[in-house]
Amino acid sequence: MRGCPECAGRPGRAGPSPMRDTCEKAAMKTYTLTVSCPSRRGIVAAITTYLAHNGCNIIDSAQFDDLETGRFFMRIGFISEEGRTHEELSAGFAGTAQSFAMDATFHDDAARMKVVIMVSRFGHCLNDLLYRWRIGALKMDIVAVVSNHADYRAYVEGHGIPFRLIEVNADNKPQAEAELMALVEETGAELVVLARYMQVLSDRFCTAMSGRIINIHHSFLPSFKGANPYKQAYRRGVKLIGATAHYVTADLDEGPIIEQDTVRVSHAQSTEDYVSLGRDVESLVLGRAIHAHIHHRVLLNNNRTIVFPPSPGSFASDRMG
């Protein structure tokens, strides 16, 4: 590997430069390994021994043993110091994975997940996601924005992102969904984000994309499911309203929850106030959920999720604005 000029050392001086080691380590590839399997002794030892024997240095690790379900979950970030790729590491790990009945996946941290965003007429979540994407706070490739209305075409295309209008009505839902699925397959999208998309997806589509559709619901689930949750909350006189990001399943607003947050309200505020206050928390919660998903921090545990903490530096953006 060619060293950078800063690492070459001063002319006439022999020996390694301290900066060279730093630069070479920074140039090494970083990967993430996610694991879920039945709980038993020796799992952590088997994983860490394999990584060490293959020239990998663990830099971040989190695990959870669910004593109720008997499942073990782990997420490990590591540097491949001897140049092995995640494909090579995955192939070599197959025997270990089989012996522990593991669902194990090696992820290249440099790879950007391909995402389709869907929106209807409320644009606050879309606007927030495009800003986070533009500054590099959400390291993903937005391969398309889909809407059942044309309101945001110019705005989306102004960001250099393809916009697809797929109109939906009672008569064309199967055709509209077939067009959406074709777009997902054509673009290679790995995640679909419902950023206040107000159409219900079919059971068939939800099943085909299981664990790969994130919705933002404008209430603190399981309270106030379905339509007009802010109006429901207002009528009940709640003192907290919130938002919930969850994976989409065939059961409306029942999917595994990824992220939630709340904002305080009072008796003096109106339904319209609730809507305005909710915009900020919806955007924040959806952004956090997507961040967790694209960094492989979310593992499914039946109808619940294990959400591991972020790795150091994963929230850093490329620029401030």
Protein backbone atom coordinates (compact mmCIF):
# COMPACT_ATOMS: atom_id res chain seq x y z
CA MET A 1 0.00 0.00 0.00
CA ARG A 2 1.35 3.41 -0.88
CA GLY A 3 1.69 5.65 2.14
CA CYS A 4 0.42 9.19 2.15
CA PRO A 5 3.02 12.03 2.12
CA GLU A 6 2.32 12.77 5.77
CA CYS A 7 3.22 9.18 6.66
CA ALA A 8 6.48 8.93 4.75
CA GLY A 9 8.59 10.20 7.62
CA ARG A 10 11.07 13.03 7.43
CA PRO A 11 13.82 12.82 4.80
CA GLY A 12 16.97 11.16 6.10
CA ARG A 13 15.20 9.56 9.06
CA ALA A 14 14.93 5.79 9.21
CA GLY A 15 12.24 3.72 10.87
CA PRO A 16 8.46 3.75 10.83
CA SER A 17 6.41 6.88 11.23
CA PRO A 18 3.81 6.78 14.05
CA MET A 19 1.39 8.45 11.65
CA ARG A 20 1.85 5.65 9.11
CA ASP A 21 0.31 3.08 11.47
CA THR A 22 -2.63 5.37 12.06
CA CYS A 23 -3.25 5.92 8.35
CA GLU A 24 -2.89 2.24 7.50
CA LYS A 25 -5.39 1.26 10.19
CA ALA A 26 -7.83 3.92 8.95
CA ALA A 27 -7.56 2.47 5.43
CA MET A 28 -8.53 -1.03 6.61
CA LYS A 29 -12.05 -2.26 5.98
CA THR A 30 -14.59 -2.29 8.78
CA TYR A 31 -17.45 -4.78 8.94
CA THR A 32 -20.38 -5.63 11.16
CA LEU A 33 -21.47 -9.14 12.10
CA THR A 34 -25.03 -9.73 13.31
CA VAL A 35 -26.00 -13.01 14.94
CA SER A 36 -29.16 -14.57 16.33
CA CYS A 37 -29.42 -18.18 17.47
CA PRO A 38 -30.63 -20.45 20.26
CA SER A 39 -28.87 -19.56 23.50
CA ARG A 40 -26.12 -21.90 24.73
CA ARG A 41 -22.63 -21.80 26.16
CA GLY A 42 -19.68 -20.99 23.94
CA ILE A 43 -21.28 -18.69 21.35
CA VAL A 44 -19.24 -15.59 22.15
CA ALA A 45 -16.03 -17.62 22.45
CA ALA A 46 -16.62 -19.25 19.05
CA ILE A 47 -17.30 -15.92 17.33
CA THR A 48 -14.43 -13.97 18.84
CA THR A 49 -11.96 -16.83 18.33
CA TYR A 50 -12.92 -17.06 14.66
CA LEU A 51 -12.48 -13.32 14.14
CA ALA A 52 -9.12 -13.27 15.93
CA HIS A 53 -7.81 -16.22 13.92
CA ASN A 54 -8.81 -14.42 10.71
CA GLY A 55 -6.94 -11.21 11.45
CA CYS A 56 -9.90 -9.19 12.72
CA ASN A 57 -9.84 -6.70 15.59
CA ILE A 58 -13.15 -6.15 17.42
CA ILE A 59 -13.86 -2.45 18.01
CA ASP A 60 -17.52 -2.56 19.12
CA SER A 61 -19.67 -5.31 20.58
CA ALA A 62 -23.15 -5.69 22.09
CA GLN A 63 -25.16 -8.77 23.01
CA PHE A 64 -28.46 -9.79 24.56
CA ASP A 65 -29.63 -13.14 25.87
CA ASP A 66 -33.44 -13.37 26.01
CA LEU A 67 -34.08 -15.81 28.84
CA GLU A 68 -37.80 -15.84 28.04
CA THR A 69 -37.50 -16.96 24.41
CA GLY A 70 -34.17 -18.74 24.74
CA ARG A 71 -32.66 -16.69 21.90
CA PHE A 72 -29.25 -15.04 21.81
CA PHE A 73 -28.49 -11.87 19.82
CA MET A 74 -25.17 -10.18 19.07
CA ARG A 75 -23.76 -7.36 16.98
CA ILE A 76 -20.00 -6.96 16.53
CA GLY A 77 -18.10 -4.22 14.70
CA PHE A 78 -14.56 -5.09 13.68
CA ILE A 79 -11.61 -4.16 11.47
CA SER A 80 -10.25 -6.71 9.00
CA GLU A 81 -6.58 -6.01 9.63
CA GLU A 82 -5.29 -8.67 7.22
CA GLY A 83 -7.49 -7.70 4.29
CA ARG A 84 -10.10 -10.46 4.32
CA THR A 85 -13.38 -9.41 2.69
CA HIS A 86 -16.78 -9.90 4.28
CA GLU A 87 -17.56 -12.52 1.62
CA GLU A 88 -14.45 -14.50 2.59
CA LEU A 89 -15.20 -14.13 6.28
CA SER A 90 -18.80 -15.22 5.74
CA ALA A 91 -17.79 -18.32 3.78
CA GLY A 92 -15.23 -19.30 6.41
CA PHE A 93 -17.74 -18.81 9.23
CA ALA A 94 -20.33 -21.18 7.73
CA GLY A 95 -19.24 -24.17 9.81
CA THR A 96 -19.41 -22.24 13.08
CA ALA A 97 -22.78 -20.79 12.14
CA GLN A 98 -24.15 -24.23 11.35
CA SER A 99 -22.93 -25.78 14.59
CA PHE A 100 -24.79 -23.14 16.63
CA ALA A 101 -27.84 -22.91 14.29
CA MET A 102 -27.02 -19.23 13.78
CA ASP A 103 -28.58 -16.65 11.52
CA ALA A 104 -25.32 -14.81 10.91
CA THR A 105 -24.62 -12.04 8.41
CA PHE A 106 -21.44 -10.09 7.67
CA HIS A 107 -22.07 -6.52 6.50
CA ASP A 108 -19.64 -4.18 4.74
CA ASP A 109 -19.80 -0.87 6.62
CA ALA A 110 -18.88 1.04 3.45
CA ALA A 111 -21.93 -0.29 1.57
CA ARG A 112 -24.89 2.10 1.43
CA MET A 113 -28.33 0.57 1.73
CA LYS A 114 -30.71 1.26 -1.18
CA VAL A 115 -33.93 2.88 0.03
CA VAL A 116 -37.30 3.80 -1.49
CA ILE A 117 -39.22 6.53 0.36
CA MET A 118 -43.00 6.73 0.04
CA VAL A 119 -45.04 9.83 0.89
CA SER A 120 -48.54 11.22 0.41
CA ARG A 121 -49.35 14.85 1.23
CA PHE A 122 -47.65 15.45 4.59
CA GLY A 123 -44.06 16.27 3.66
CA HIS A 124 -42.32 16.93 6.99
CA CYS A 125 -40.78 13.46 7.33
CA LEU A 126 -39.68 13.43 3.69
CA ASN A 127 -38.10 16.87 4.09
CA ASP A 128 -36.23 15.79 7.22
CA LEU A 129 -34.96 12.57 5.62
CA LEU A 130 -33.71 14.35 2.52
CA TYR A 131 -31.84 16.85 4.68
CA ARG A 132 -30.23 14.09 6.77
CA TRP A 133 -29.36 12.20 3.57
CA ARG A 134 -27.90 15.32 1.92
CA ILE A 135 -25.51 16.08 4.79
CA GLY A 136 -24.48 12.43 5.15
CA ALA A 137 -26.14 11.84 8.52
CA LEU A 138 -28.10 8.95 6.98
CA LYS A 139 -25.64 7.05 4.81
CA MET A 140 -28.03 5.45 2.34
CA ASP A 141 -28.82 5.64 -1.37
CA ILE A 142 -32.34 6.94 -2.01
CA VAL A 143 -33.11 5.19 -5.28
CA ALA A 144 -36.62 6.64 -5.65
CA VAL A 145 -39.37 8.61 -3.93
CA VAL A 146 -42.85 7.25 -4.62
CA SER A 147 -46.10 9.11 -4.02
CA ASN A 148 -49.78 8.77 -4.83
CA HIS A 149 -49.82 12.55 -5.41
CA ALA A 150 -47.60 14.77 -7.55
CA ASP A 151 -47.10 17.47 -4.87
CA TYR A 152 -43.41 16.74 -4.20
CA ARG A 153 -42.19 15.91 -7.71
CA ALA A 154 -40.24 19.16 -8.24
CA TYR A 155 -38.85 19.11 -4.71
CA VAL A 156 -37.60 15.52 -4.99
CA GLU A 157 -36.21 15.88 -8.51
CA GLY A 158 -34.44 19.05 -7.37
CA HIS A 159 -32.38 16.76 -5.12
CA GLY A 160 -31.46 14.62 -8.11
CA ILE A 161 -33.65 11.74 -6.93
CA PRO A 162 -36.08 9.92 -9.26
CA PHE A 163 -39.74 10.61 -8.46
CA ARG A 164 -42.42 8.03 -9.31
CA LEU A 165 -46.11 8.93 -9.26
CA ILE A 166 -48.21 5.83 -8.59
CA GLU A 167 -51.82 6.89 -8.25
CA VAL A 168 -53.98 4.65 -6.08
CA ASN A 169 -57.75 4.28 -6.01
CA ALA A 170 -60.27 1.60 -5.14
CA ASP A 171 -60.15 0.14 -8.65
CA ASN A 172 -56.41 -0.05 -9.33
CA LYS A 173 -54.79 -1.07 -6.03
CA PRO A 174 -53.43 -4.42 -7.29
CA GLN A 175 -51.94 -2.77 -10.39
CA ALA A 176 -50.47 0.09 -8.35
CA GLU A 177 -48.85 -2.33 -5.93
CA ALA A 178 -47.49 -4.45 -8.79
CA GLU A 179 -45.86 -1.29 -10.18
CA LEU A 180 -44.38 -0.55 -6.75
CA MET A 181 -42.97 -4.07 -6.41
CA ALA A 182 -41.49 -3.85 -9.90
CA LEU A 183 -39.77 -0.60 -8.90
CA VAL A 184 -38.36 -2.20 -5.75
CA GLU A 185 -36.96 -5.09 -7.77
CA GLU A 186 -35.68 -2.86 -10.57
CA THR A 187 -33.80 -0.55 -8.20
CA GLY A 188 -32.60 -3.30 -5.87
CA ALA A 189 -34.16 -1.46 -2.92
CA GLU A 190 -33.42 -3.12 0.41
CA LEU A 191 -35.72 -0.91 2.51
CA VAL A 192 -39.03 0.86 1.93
CA VAL A 193 -39.81 3.83 4.20
CA LEU A 194 -43.40 5.01 4.64
CA ALA A 195 -42.81 8.68 5.45
CA ARG A 196 -46.48 9.48 6.15
CA TYR A 197 -47.68 7.44 3.17
CA MET A 198 -51.39 7.17 3.77
CA GLN A 199 -52.29 4.06 1.76
CA VAL A 200 -52.58 0.62 3.36
CA LEU A 201 -50.29 -1.97 1.76
CA SER A 202 -51.65 -5.43 0.99
CA ASP A 203 -50.87 -8.51 3.08
CA ARG A 204 -49.03 -9.96 0.08
CA PHE A 205 -46.69 -6.97 -0.26
CA CYS A 206 -46.05 -6.83 3.51
CA THR A 207 -45.18 -10.52 3.58
CA ALA A 208 -42.87 -10.24 0.56
CA MET A 209 -41.04 -7.31 2.19
CA SER A 210 -41.14 -8.59 5.78
CA GLY A 211 -38.63 -6.76 7.98
CA ARG A 212 -37.86 -4.32 5.15
CA ILE A 213 -40.69 -1.76 5.46
CA ILE A 214 -40.58 0.93 8.16
CA ASN A 215 -43.64 3.07 8.91
CA ILE A 216 -43.99 6.17 11.08
CA HIS A 217 -47.25 6.17 12.99
CA HIS A 218 -48.34 9.44 14.57
CA SER A 219 -49.14 8.07 18.01
CA PHE A 220 -47.41 6.32 20.86
CA LEU A 221 -48.44 2.76 19.98
CA PRO A 222 -50.24 0.68 21.09
CA SER A 223 -52.43 3.66 21.95
CA PHE A 224 -54.59 5.31 19.27
CA LYS A 225 -54.15 3.01 16.31
CA GLY A 226 -55.70 3.65 12.92
CA ALA A 227 -56.92 6.95 11.53
CA ASN A 228 -56.83 10.40 13.23
CA PRO A 229 -54.76 9.43 16.27
CA TYR A 230 -54.24 13.07 17.29
CA LYS A 231 -57.99 13.59 17.41
CA GLN A 232 -58.34 10.40 19.45
CA ALA A 233 -55.65 11.61 21.85
CA TYR A 234 -57.28 15.04 22.17
CA ARG A 235 -60.64 13.52 23.03
CA ARG A 236 -59.05 11.38 25.73
CA GLY A 237 -57.30 14.39 27.27
CA VAL A 238 -53.83 12.84 27.24
CA LYS A 239 -50.84 14.78 28.56
CA LEU A 240 -48.30 13.12 26.27
CA ILE A 241 -48.51 12.48 22.55
CA GLY A 242 -45.90 10.62 20.58
CA ALA A 243 -44.77 8.82 17.47
CA THR A 244 -43.80 5.23 16.75
CA ALA A 245 -41.58 3.81 14.01
CA HIS A 246 -42.25 0.14 13.39
CA TYR A 247 -41.84 -2.59 10.84
CA VAL A 248 -44.93 -3.07 8.71
CA THR A 249 -46.83 -6.34 8.91
CA ALA A 250 -50.19 -7.52 7.58
CA ASP A 251 -51.73 -6.41 10.89
CA LEU A 252 -52.24 -2.62 10.73
CA ASP A 253 -50.06 -0.72 13.23
CA GLU A 254 -49.11 -3.98 14.97
CA GLY A 255 -45.58 -4.53 13.61
CA PRO A 256 -42.43 -4.78 15.77
CA ILE A 257 -41.57 -1.38 17.27
CA ILE A 258 -38.13 0.09 16.50
CA GLU A 259 -38.23 3.59 18.02
CA GLN A 260 -40.60 5.85 19.97
CA ASP A 261 -40.65 9.28 21.58
CA THR A 262 -43.13 11.69 23.14
CA VAL A 263 -43.87 15.39 23.59
CA ARG A 264 -45.89 16.94 26.42
CA VAL A 265 -49.26 18.61 25.73
CA SER A 266 -51.80 20.36 27.94
CA HIS A 267 -55.55 20.84 28.24
CA ALA A 268 -55.18 24.28 26.62
CA GLN A 269 -53.97 22.95 23.30
CA SER A 270 -56.12 22.02 20.32
CA THR A 271 -56.06 19.09 17.91
CA GLU A 272 -54.24 21.37 15.45
CA ASP A 273 -51.59 22.04 18.11
CA TYR A 274 -51.17 18.29 18.54
CA VAL A 275 -50.60 17.90 14.80
CA SER A 276 -47.98 20.67 14.75
CA LEU A 277 -46.15 19.38 17.82
CA GLY A 278 -46.30 15.87 16.42
CA ARG A 279 -44.51 16.81 13.21
CA ASP A 280 -41.18 17.26 14.99
CA VAL A 281 -41.35 14.04 17.00
CA GLU A 282 -42.47 12.02 13.97
CA SER A 283 -39.47 13.23 11.96
CA LEU A 284 -37.05 12.56 14.81
CA VAL A 285 -38.36 9.07 15.53
CA LEU A 286 -38.38 8.01 11.88
CA GLY A 287 -34.82 9.26 11.36
CA ARG A 288 -33.62 7.31 14.40
CA ALA A 289 -35.35 4.12 13.26
CA ILE A 290 -33.84 4.32 9.78
CA HIS A 291 -30.41 4.99 11.26
CA ALA A 292 -30.74 1.87 13.41
CA HIS A 293 -31.86 -0.26 10.47
CA ILE A 294 -29.24 0.82 7.94
CA HIS A 295 -26.49 0.28 10.52
CA HIS A 296 -27.78 -3.24 11.20
CA ARG A 297 -28.61 -2.49 14.82
CA VAL A 298 -32.12 -4.00 14.75
CA LEU A 299 -32.72 -7.74 15.11
CA LEU A 300 -36.19 -9.26 15.15
CA ASN A 301 -37.25 -11.30 18.17
CA ASN A 302 -40.72 -12.61 17.29
CA ASN A 303 -42.96 -9.51 17.40
CA ARG A 304 -40.37 -7.50 19.30
CA THR A 305 -37.06 -5.96 18.30
CA ILE A 306 -33.61 -5.97 19.80
CA VAL A 307 -32.13 -2.52 19.09
CA PHE A 308 -28.44 -2.39 19.89
CA PRO A 309 -26.71 0.93 20.70
CA PRO A 310 -24.98 2.85 17.89
CA SER A 311 -21.32 2.30 17.17
CA PRO A 312 -18.93 5.16 17.96
CA GLY A 313 -18.90 7.70 15.14
CA SER A 314 -22.01 6.35 13.38
CA PHE A 315 -23.96 9.57 13.95
CA ALA A 316 -21.24 11.76 12.45
CA SER A 317 -22.33 13.58 9.29
CA ASP A 318 -20.19 14.55 6.30
CA ARG A 319 -21.09 18.23 6.70
CA MET A 320 -23.24 20.44 8.89
CA GLY A 321 -25.67 21.87 6.35
